[in-house]
Protein backbone atom coordinates (compact mmCIF):
# COMPACT_ATOMS: atom_id res chain seq x y z
CA MET A 1 0.00 0.00 0.00
CA THR A 2 2.86 2.38 0.71
CA GLU A 3 4.00 2.04 -2.88
CA LEU A 4 0.58 3.18 -4.08
CA TYR A 5 0.64 6.22 -1.82
CA LEU A 6 4.10 7.09 -3.15
CA LYS A 7 2.98 6.58 -6.75
CA TYR A 8 0.06 8.94 -6.23
CA TYR A 9 2.20 11.46 -4.39
CA PHE A 10 4.83 11.53 -7.14
CA ASP A 11 2.18 11.77 -9.87
CA VAL A 12 0.53 14.73 -8.16
CA SER A 13 3.85 16.33 -7.18
CA ARG A 14 4.89 16.67 -10.82
CA TYR A 15 2.20 19.29 -11.26
CA ASN A 16 3.06 20.90 -7.94
CA LEU A 17 6.73 21.21 -8.83
CA LEU A 18 5.87 22.76 -12.19
CA PHE A 19 3.60 25.23 -10.43
CA SER A 20 6.33 26.06 -7.91
CA ILE A 21 8.88 26.59 -10.68
CA LEU A 22 6.42 28.93 -12.36
CA VAL A 23 6.10 30.86 -9.08
CA ILE A 24 9.91 31.12 -8.86
CA ILE A 25 10.08 32.44 -12.42
CA LEU A 26 7.32 34.97 -11.89
CA THR A 27 8.23 36.21 -8.40
CA GLN A 28 11.99 35.57 -8.26
CA ASN A 29 11.37 34.47 -4.67
CA LEU A 30 12.33 30.99 -3.54
CA LEU A 31 10.60 31.32 -0.18
CA ALA A 32 7.30 32.19 -1.86
CA ALA A 33 7.63 29.13 -4.07
CA VAL A 34 8.17 26.92 -1.01
CA VAL A 35 5.09 28.37 0.68
CA TYR A 36 3.05 27.90 -2.49
CA PHE A 37 4.33 24.32 -2.76
CA GLY A 38 2.79 23.47 0.59
CA THR A 39 -0.45 25.39 0.21
CA LEU A 40 -1.89 26.61 -3.07
CA GLY A 41 0.38 24.38 -5.16
CA SER A 42 -1.17 21.31 -3.57
CA VAL A 43 -4.65 22.47 -4.51
CA VAL A 44 -3.61 23.36 -8.06
CA SER A 45 -1.81 20.05 -8.53
CA LEU A 46 -4.82 18.08 -7.28
CA ALA A 47 -7.07 19.96 -9.69
CA LEU A 48 -4.70 19.33 -12.60
CA PHE A 49 -4.35 15.66 -11.70
CA ARG A 50 -8.11 15.33 -11.51
CA TYR A 51 -8.51 17.03 -14.88
CA HIS A 52 -5.83 15.04 -16.71
CA GLN A 53 -5.80 11.70 -14.88
CA ASN A 54 -9.16 11.40 -13.14
CA ILE A 55 -9.62 7.81 -14.31
CA GLU A 56 -6.62 6.74 -12.18
CA TYR A 57 -8.63 7.27 -9.00
CA TYR A 58 -10.43 4.02 -9.86
CA PHE A 59 -7.04 2.27 -9.75
CA TYR A 60 -6.49 3.46 -6.19
CA LEU A 61 -10.08 2.69 -5.20
CA ASN A 62 -9.72 -0.87 -6.51
CA ALA A 63 -6.55 -1.21 -4.43
CA GLY A 64 -8.52 -0.27 -1.32
CA LEU A 65 -7.45 3.35 -0.99
CA SER A 66 -10.02 6.08 -0.73
CA LYS A 67 -9.69 9.26 -2.74
CA LYS A 68 -10.05 11.35 0.40
CA ALA A 69 -7.25 9.49 2.20
CA ILE A 70 -4.66 9.78 -0.57
CA ILE A 71 -5.47 13.45 -1.18
CA LEU A 72 -5.23 14.24 2.52
CA LYS A 73 -1.94 12.38 2.92
CA SER A 74 -0.37 14.08 -0.09
CA PHE A 75 -1.46 17.49 1.21
CA ILE A 76 0.00 16.75 4.66
CA ILE A 77 3.29 15.58 3.14
CA ASN A 78 3.55 18.77 1.06
CA LEU A 79 2.71 20.90 4.06
CA VAL A 80 5.35 19.20 6.22
CA ILE A 81 8.01 19.52 3.51
CA SER A 82 7.11 23.17 3.05
CA VAL A 83 7.30 23.95 6.78
CA ILE A 84 10.69 22.22 7.09
CA LEU A 85 12.08 24.13 4.10
CA VAL A 86 10.76 27.46 5.42
CA ILE A 87 12.44 26.81 8.79
CA ILE A 88 15.70 25.95 7.01
CA PHE A 89 15.52 29.10 4.87
CA TRP A 90 14.82 31.28 7.92
CA GLY A 91 17.74 29.65 9.70
CA ILE A 92 20.05 30.44 6.80
CA HIS A 93 19.06 34.09 6.72
């Protein structure tokens, strides 16, 4: 089951990383991109995944994973990563 969570997380994170790179390009601010990665980027990536790969949710449902659970876990992982990176960046400055 852990492999399925990781597969979903990496599939969704592709969109989130692209969104965060776009934020870096537009704002020239790495800290803003990290914050967006953990917050708005997660929402945008979930919406893009749902739009482009919505049929894959049946794959996870058939494996016994609920849509709500995998979305919540991916959001929590992104939030934790974002908080850790913000603390590191504040420590550097």
